[in-house]
N, C-alpha and C. Protein backbone atom coordinates (compact mmCIF):
# COMPACT_ATOMS: atom_id res chain seq x y z
N MET A 1 69.87 -41.13 -86.75
CA MET A 1 71.47 -41.29 -87.57
C MET A 1 71.80 -39.79 -88.03
N PHE A 2 70.74 -38.74 -88.31
CA PHE A 2 71.43 -37.33 -88.73
C PHE A 2 70.70 -36.30 -87.79
N LYS A 3 70.17 -36.55 -86.54
CA LYS A 3 69.85 -35.59 -86.01
C LYS A 3 70.59 -34.59 -85.25
N LYS A 4 72.45 -34.61 -85.44
CA LYS A 4 73.08 -33.67 -85.01
C LYS A 4 74.16 -34.21 -85.93
N PHE A 5 74.10 -34.17 -87.13
CA PHE A 5 74.96 -34.31 -88.07
C PHE A 5 75.69 -32.68 -88.14
N SER A 6 77.44 -32.95 -88.38
CA SER A 6 78.06 -31.74 -88.79
C SER A 6 79.05 -32.26 -89.39
N PHE A 7 80.01 -31.51 -90.12
CA PHE A 7 81.31 -31.41 -90.82
C PHE A 7 82.45 -32.57 -90.16
N GLU A 8 82.46 -32.07 -88.75
CA GLU A 8 83.24 -32.65 -87.76
C GLU A 8 82.83 -34.46 -87.67
N ASP A 9 81.66 -35.00 -88.12
CA ASP A 9 81.40 -36.15 -88.36
C ASP A 9 82.08 -36.87 -89.81
N VAL A 10 82.44 -36.43 -90.66
CA VAL A 10 82.92 -36.64 -91.97
C VAL A 10 84.49 -37.05 -91.43
N SER A 11 84.72 -37.78 -91.61
CA SER A 11 86.33 -38.76 -91.53
C SER A 11 87.21 -38.78 -92.55
N ALA A 12 86.46 -38.69 -93.69
CA ALA A 12 87.10 -38.98 -95.00
C ALA A 12 86.76 -38.38 -96.21
N GLN A 13 86.95 -37.81 -97.02
CA GLN A 13 86.35 -37.24 -98.52
C GLN A 13 87.28 -37.85 -99.68
N ASN A 14 86.80 -38.51 -100.71
CA ASN A 14 87.50 -39.09 -101.60
C ASN A 14 86.81 -39.25 -102.94
N GLN A 15 87.34 -38.53 -103.83
CA GLN A 15 86.70 -38.18 -105.01
C GLN A 15 87.19 -39.73 -105.82
N VAL A 16 85.63 -40.28 -106.27
CA VAL A 16 86.00 -41.83 -106.74
C VAL A 16 86.46 -41.76 -108.20
N LYS A 17 87.25 -43.00 -108.23
CA LYS A 17 87.54 -43.45 -110.40
C LYS A 17 86.20 -43.14 -110.93
N ALA A 18 86.13 -43.50 -112.16
CA ALA A 18 85.22 -43.64 -113.20
C ALA A 18 84.84 -44.90 -113.05
N SER A 19 85.20 -46.12 -112.37
CA SER A 19 84.86 -47.36 -112.55
C SER A 19 84.13 -47.53 -111.13
N VAL A 20 84.33 -47.35 -109.99
CA VAL A 20 83.86 -46.94 -108.92
C VAL A 20 82.49 -45.88 -109.08
N GLN A 21 82.86 -44.86 -109.83
CA GLN A 21 81.30 -43.97 -110.20
C GLN A 21 80.34 -44.67 -110.99
N ARG A 22 80.72 -45.50 -111.98
CA ARG A 22 80.00 -46.22 -112.69
C ARG A 22 79.18 -47.36 -111.97
N LYS A 23 80.00 -48.17 -111.13
CA LYS A 23 79.55 -49.63 -110.03
C LYS A 23 78.20 -48.35 -109.40
N ILE A 24 78.44 -47.46 -108.96
CA ILE A 24 77.76 -46.69 -107.89
C ILE A 24 76.33 -46.08 -108.48
N ARG A 25 76.32 -45.52 -109.77
CA ARG A 25 75.27 -45.38 -110.79
C ARG A 25 74.62 -46.85 -111.04
N GLN A 26 75.27 -47.63 -111.23
CA GLN A 26 74.30 -48.68 -111.76
C GLN A 26 73.94 -49.51 -110.64
N SER A 27 74.51 -49.49 -109.02
CA SER A 27 73.24 -50.16 -108.31
C SER A 27 72.36 -49.19 -107.73
N ILE A 28 72.23 -47.68 -108.23
CA ILE A 28 71.65 -46.73 -108.05
C ILE A 28 70.18 -46.87 -108.91
N ALA A 29 70.77 -47.20 -109.96
CA ALA A 29 69.93 -47.11 -110.89
C ALA A 29 69.19 -48.76 -110.64
N GLU A 30 69.54 -49.91 -110.72
CA GLU A 30 68.94 -51.32 -110.04
C GLU A 30 68.06 -51.22 -108.65
N GLU A 31 68.34 -50.35 -107.80
CA GLU A 31 67.58 -50.08 -106.71
C GLU A 31 66.39 -49.23 -107.13
N TYR A 32 66.41 -48.36 -107.63
CA TYR A 32 65.85 -47.39 -108.20
C TYR A 32 65.40 -47.90 -109.74
N PRO A 33 64.64 -48.15 -110.05
CA PRO A 33 64.26 -48.32 -111.34
C PRO A 33 63.27 -46.68 -111.82
N GLY A 34 62.63 -46.18 -110.90
CA GLY A 34 61.77 -44.96 -111.51
C GLY A 34 62.56 -43.78 -111.25
N LEU A 35 64.23 -43.97 -111.33
CA LEU A 35 65.32 -42.98 -110.93
C LEU A 35 65.61 -42.77 -112.64
N GLU A 36 65.55 -43.67 -113.43
CA GLU A 36 66.46 -44.17 -114.46
C GLU A 36 66.50 -42.66 -115.67
N PRO A 37 65.14 -42.12 -115.80
CA PRO A 37 64.78 -41.67 -117.00
C PRO A 37 66.10 -40.22 -116.09
N VAL A 38 66.04 -39.67 -115.09
CA VAL A 38 66.41 -38.62 -114.46
C VAL A 38 67.70 -38.56 -113.65
N LEU A 39 68.60 -39.99 -113.99
CA LEU A 39 69.58 -40.51 -113.25
C LEU A 39 70.69 -39.64 -114.09
N ASP A 40 71.03 -39.29 -115.19
CA ASP A 40 71.40 -38.21 -115.81
C ASP A 40 71.71 -36.94 -114.83
N ASP A 41 70.67 -36.54 -114.95
CA ASP A 41 70.64 -35.21 -114.33
C ASP A 41 71.11 -35.00 -112.97
N ILE A 42 70.70 -36.23 -111.83
CA ILE A 42 70.94 -36.35 -110.60
C ILE A 42 72.75 -36.42 -110.71
N LEU A 43 72.96 -37.36 -110.96
CA LEU A 43 74.43 -38.26 -111.08
C LEU A 43 75.18 -37.64 -112.22
N PRO A 44 75.46 -36.48 -112.97
CA PRO A 44 76.31 -36.17 -114.24
C PRO A 44 77.32 -37.07 -114.40
N LYS A 45 77.61 -37.31 -115.54
CA LYS A 45 78.96 -38.32 -115.68
C LYS A 45 80.32 -37.42 -115.37
N LYS A 46 80.37 -35.73 -116.27
CA LYS A 46 81.17 -35.24 -115.68
C LYS A 46 81.73 -35.08 -114.82
N SER A 47 80.33 -34.36 -113.95
CA SER A 47 80.83 -33.91 -112.69
C SER A 47 81.33 -34.95 -111.35
N PRO A 48 82.75 -34.60 -111.11
CA PRO A 48 82.96 -35.28 -109.85
C PRO A 48 82.22 -36.14 -108.73
N LEU A 49 82.10 -37.27 -108.58
CA LEU A 49 81.65 -37.75 -107.81
C LEU A 49 82.16 -37.73 -106.43
N ILE A 50 81.77 -37.58 -104.93
CA ILE A 50 82.80 -37.57 -103.92
C ILE A 50 81.83 -38.95 -102.96
N VAL A 51 82.52 -39.35 -102.43
CA VAL A 51 82.20 -40.62 -101.25
C VAL A 51 82.53 -40.20 -100.03
N ALA A 52 81.85 -39.84 -98.98
CA ALA A 52 82.55 -39.01 -97.60
C ALA A 52 82.01 -40.41 -96.69
N LYS A 53 83.28 -40.88 -96.14
CA LYS A 53 83.15 -41.80 -95.04
C LYS A 53 82.78 -41.07 -93.81
N CYS A 54 81.84 -41.36 -93.10
CA CYS A 54 81.56 -40.50 -91.30
C CYS A 54 81.51 -41.49 -90.51
N GLN A 55 81.55 -41.37 -89.34
CA GLN A 55 81.05 -42.26 -88.47
C GLN A 55 79.83 -42.89 -88.44
N ASN A 56 79.95 -44.54 -87.56
CA ASN A 56 79.28 -45.20 -87.59
C ASN A 56 78.81 -45.93 -88.90
N HIS A 57 80.10 -46.03 -89.84
CA HIS A 57 79.65 -47.17 -90.63
C HIS A 57 79.38 -46.37 -91.93
N LEU A 58 79.04 -44.81 -91.97
CA LEU A 58 78.23 -44.42 -92.97
C LEU A 58 78.68 -43.54 -94.27
N ASN A 59 78.57 -43.94 -95.25
CA ASN A 59 78.81 -43.20 -96.94
C ASN A 59 77.97 -42.42 -96.48
N LEU A 60 78.38 -41.59 -97.52
CA LEU A 60 77.88 -40.25 -98.29
C LEU A 60 77.97 -39.75 -99.56
N VAL A 61 77.13 -40.22 -100.97
CA VAL A 61 77.52 -39.98 -101.95
C VAL A 61 77.21 -38.19 -101.98
N LEU A 62 78.26 -37.64 -102.50
CA LEU A 62 78.21 -36.08 -102.79
C LEU A 62 78.40 -36.10 -104.13
N VAL A 63 77.46 -34.88 -104.67
CA VAL A 63 77.37 -34.21 -106.15
C VAL A 63 77.50 -32.99 -105.98
N ASN A 64 78.85 -32.01 -106.53
CA ASN A 64 79.03 -30.61 -105.95
C ASN A 64 78.49 -30.02 -104.80
N ASN A 65 79.21 -31.14 -103.77
CA ASN A 65 78.95 -30.91 -102.19
C ASN A 65 77.97 -30.85 -101.69
N VAL A 66 76.38 -31.80 -102.50
CA VAL A 66 75.32 -31.68 -102.05
C VAL A 66 75.17 -33.56 -101.73
N PRO A 67 74.89 -34.02 -100.47
CA PRO A 67 74.48 -35.46 -100.30
C PRO A 67 72.93 -35.51 -101.09
N LEU A 68 73.30 -36.79 -101.89
CA LEU A 68 72.19 -37.43 -102.85
C LEU A 68 71.74 -38.61 -102.03
N PHE A 69 73.01 -39.55 -101.51
CA PHE A 69 72.46 -41.07 -101.25
C PHE A 69 73.33 -41.32 -100.04
N PHE A 70 73.00 -42.43 -99.16
CA PHE A 70 73.93 -42.55 -98.34
C PHE A 70 73.76 -44.48 -98.24
N SER A 71 74.65 -44.82 -97.49
CA SER A 71 74.40 -46.49 -97.10
C SER A 71 75.35 -46.22 -95.91
N VAL A 72 74.43 -47.33 -95.27
CA VAL A 72 75.22 -47.74 -93.89
C VAL A 72 75.83 -49.36 -93.98
N ARG A 73 76.98 -49.75 -93.77
CA ARG A 73 77.69 -51.16 -93.97
C ARG A 73 77.59 -51.46 -95.23
N ASP A 74 77.76 -51.09 -96.24
CA ASP A 74 77.93 -51.09 -97.69
C ASP A 74 76.46 -52.08 -97.64
N GLY A 75 75.48 -51.31 -97.32
CA GLY A 75 74.30 -51.42 -97.52
C GLY A 75 73.35 -51.15 -98.88
N PRO A 76 72.58 -50.88 -99.23
CA PRO A 76 71.56 -50.48 -100.45
C PRO A 76 71.78 -49.16 -100.37
N TYR A 77 72.31 -48.33 -100.89
CA TYR A 77 72.23 -46.59 -101.52
C TYR A 77 70.69 -46.01 -101.16
N MET A 78 70.53 -45.34 -100.15
CA MET A 78 69.46 -44.73 -99.79
C MET A 78 69.16 -43.40 -99.89
N PRO A 79 68.22 -42.51 -100.69
CA PRO A 79 68.45 -41.40 -100.84
C PRO A 79 68.18 -40.67 -99.92
N THR A 80 68.24 -39.09 -99.91
CA THR A 80 68.34 -38.48 -98.92
C THR A 80 67.19 -37.85 -98.79
N LEU A 81 66.44 -37.12 -98.11
CA LEU A 81 65.11 -36.31 -98.23
C LEU A 81 65.11 -35.39 -99.31
N ARG A 82 66.04 -34.64 -98.91
CA ARG A 82 66.06 -33.49 -100.24
C ARG A 82 66.10 -33.92 -101.45
N LEU A 83 66.90 -35.08 -102.06
CA LEU A 83 66.17 -35.67 -102.88
C LEU A 83 65.30 -36.86 -103.40
N LEU A 84 64.37 -36.50 -102.50
CA LEU A 84 63.05 -37.49 -102.12
C LEU A 84 61.99 -36.06 -102.68
N HIS A 85 62.40 -35.17 -102.16
CA HIS A 85 61.49 -34.14 -102.42
C HIS A 85 61.75 -34.01 -103.92
N GLN A 86 62.69 -33.47 -104.39
CA GLN A 86 62.36 -33.32 -105.56
C GLN A 86 62.31 -34.18 -106.48
N TYR A 87 62.46 -35.39 -106.24
CA TYR A 87 61.53 -36.52 -107.07
C TYR A 87 60.86 -37.86 -106.27
N PRO A 88 59.47 -37.07 -106.12
CA PRO A 88 58.90 -37.89 -104.78
C PRO A 88 58.94 -39.52 -105.47
N ASN A 89 58.49 -39.57 -106.79
CA ASN A 89 58.55 -40.94 -107.60
C ASN A 89 59.60 -41.78 -107.55
N ILE A 90 60.72 -41.40 -106.75
CA ILE A 90 61.98 -42.49 -106.68
C ILE A 90 61.32 -43.93 -106.45
N MET A 91 60.76 -43.76 -104.82
CA MET A 91 60.63 -45.02 -104.17
C MET A 91 58.88 -45.15 -104.48
N LYS A 92 58.55 -46.12 -103.59
CA LYS A 92 57.20 -47.28 -103.71
C LYS A 92 56.52 -46.29 -102.56
N LYS A 93 55.29 -46.52 -102.74
CA LYS A 93 54.38 -45.80 -101.70
C LYS A 93 53.66 -46.62 -100.92
N LEU A 94 53.33 -46.37 -99.50
CA LEU A 94 52.54 -47.19 -99.11
C LEU A 94 52.24 -46.20 -97.96
N GLN A 95 50.73 -46.51 -98.14
CA GLN A 95 49.74 -45.81 -96.96
C GLN A 95 48.74 -46.69 -95.89
N VAL A 96 49.25 -45.74 -94.77
CA VAL A 96 48.60 -46.83 -93.38
C VAL A 96 47.33 -46.08 -93.32
N ASP A 97 46.47 -46.42 -92.32
CA ASP A 97 45.33 -45.77 -91.96
C ASP A 97 45.84 -45.48 -90.91
N ARG A 98 44.77 -44.50 -90.41
CA ARG A 98 44.92 -43.46 -89.66
C ARG A 98 45.39 -43.99 -87.90
N GLY A 99 44.99 -45.06 -87.80
CA GLY A 99 45.47 -45.62 -85.99
C GLY A 99 46.69 -46.20 -86.13
N ALA A 100 46.98 -46.22 -87.50
CA ALA A 100 48.60 -46.98 -87.11
C ALA A 100 49.79 -45.55 -87.49
N ILE A 101 49.22 -44.67 -87.97
CA ILE A 101 50.58 -43.62 -88.44
C ILE A 101 51.09 -43.26 -86.57
N ARG A 102 50.49 -42.97 -85.64
CA ARG A 102 51.28 -42.82 -84.37
C ARG A 102 52.38 -43.62 -84.36
N PHE A 103 51.93 -44.96 -84.43
CA PHE A 103 52.85 -46.13 -84.20
C PHE A 103 54.09 -46.24 -85.30
N VAL A 104 53.77 -45.93 -86.40
CA VAL A 104 54.90 -46.36 -87.42
C VAL A 104 55.66 -44.09 -87.00
N LEU A 105 55.11 -43.37 -86.52
CA LEU A 105 56.00 -42.40 -86.50
C LEU A 105 56.94 -42.71 -85.31
N SER A 106 56.78 -43.87 -84.19
CA SER A 106 57.13 -43.65 -83.08
C SER A 106 58.24 -44.77 -83.30
N GLY A 107 58.04 -45.68 -84.77
CA GLY A 107 59.24 -46.79 -85.04
C GLY A 107 58.52 -47.49 -84.96
N ALA A 108 57.66 -48.14 -84.95
CA ALA A 108 57.18 -49.11 -85.21
C ALA A 108 57.09 -49.97 -86.77
N ASN A 109 57.06 -51.24 -86.94
CA ASN A 109 57.31 -51.92 -88.32
C ASN A 109 55.68 -51.76 -88.59
N ILE A 110 55.38 -51.41 -90.32
CA ILE A 110 54.09 -51.62 -90.57
C ILE A 110 54.03 -53.27 -91.11
N MET A 111 52.61 -53.43 -90.30
CA MET A 111 51.92 -54.94 -91.14
C MET A 111 51.00 -54.91 -91.53
N CYS A 112 50.56 -55.79 -92.17
CA CYS A 112 49.59 -56.00 -93.15
C CYS A 112 48.53 -55.44 -92.53
N PRO A 113 47.74 -55.51 -91.21
CA PRO A 113 46.23 -54.91 -91.35
C PRO A 113 46.40 -53.52 -90.77
N GLY A 114 47.38 -53.22 -90.73
CA GLY A 114 47.77 -51.50 -91.16
C GLY A 114 47.58 -50.64 -92.80
N LEU A 115 47.91 -51.68 -93.57
CA LEU A 115 47.79 -51.68 -95.00
C LEU A 115 46.63 -52.20 -95.64
N THR A 116 45.70 -53.01 -95.35
CA THR A 116 44.53 -53.57 -95.72
C THR A 116 43.17 -53.14 -95.19
N SER A 117 43.47 -52.27 -94.36
CA SER A 117 42.32 -51.65 -93.93
C SER A 117 41.57 -50.61 -94.64
N PRO A 118 40.46 -50.38 -94.55
CA PRO A 118 40.04 -49.14 -95.33
C PRO A 118 40.83 -47.94 -95.64
N GLY A 119 41.88 -47.50 -94.54
CA GLY A 119 42.24 -46.42 -94.86
C GLY A 119 43.63 -46.30 -95.43
N GLY A 120 44.40 -47.94 -95.46
CA GLY A 120 45.24 -48.66 -96.19
C GLY A 120 45.63 -48.11 -97.53
N ALA A 121 46.99 -47.87 -98.22
CA ALA A 121 46.97 -47.97 -99.41
C ALA A 121 48.07 -48.88 -100.01
N LEU A 122 47.91 -49.56 -101.25
CA LEU A 122 49.51 -50.47 -101.11
C LEU A 122 49.69 -50.12 -103.02
N ASP A 123 50.63 -49.70 -103.46
CA ASP A 123 50.85 -49.35 -104.88
C ASP A 123 51.18 -50.88 -105.61
N GLU A 124 50.30 -51.05 -106.76
CA GLU A 124 50.20 -52.14 -107.69
C GLU A 124 52.14 -52.96 -107.83
N GLU A 125 53.33 -51.67 -107.72
CA GLU A 125 54.16 -52.78 -108.02
C GLU A 125 54.90 -53.35 -106.82
N VAL A 126 53.95 -52.97 -105.30
CA VAL A 126 54.78 -53.64 -104.28
C VAL A 126 54.68 -54.78 -104.33
N GLU A 127 56.07 -55.42 -103.94
CA GLU A 127 55.92 -57.06 -103.74
C GLU A 127 55.41 -57.67 -102.07
């Protein structure tokens, strides 16, 4: 999706109203409860929030011209890799055994045997 992404791919950028900004903050807080202590640092209430619409039904959430979240076709907001590197505890963690790594990197779905074998691990709160 982002392999060849440039500014020409952005079709429109709009600064959102305060009500839309609250709605985006609320949906991100519901989706990622581990982000709640630092949500004011990531999405400050006083700085303008910009939503950039791109090709392929992609929406980017920008703060200070830095993309932080994206959504596809009005789906859930997903953090960018840059944000995940800054705050690694946002999402729940899964660890697959060594035999499954090659297939997961090729795009395969993660199945139960890859998580329950001796090399796999699963967070307690994962359903």
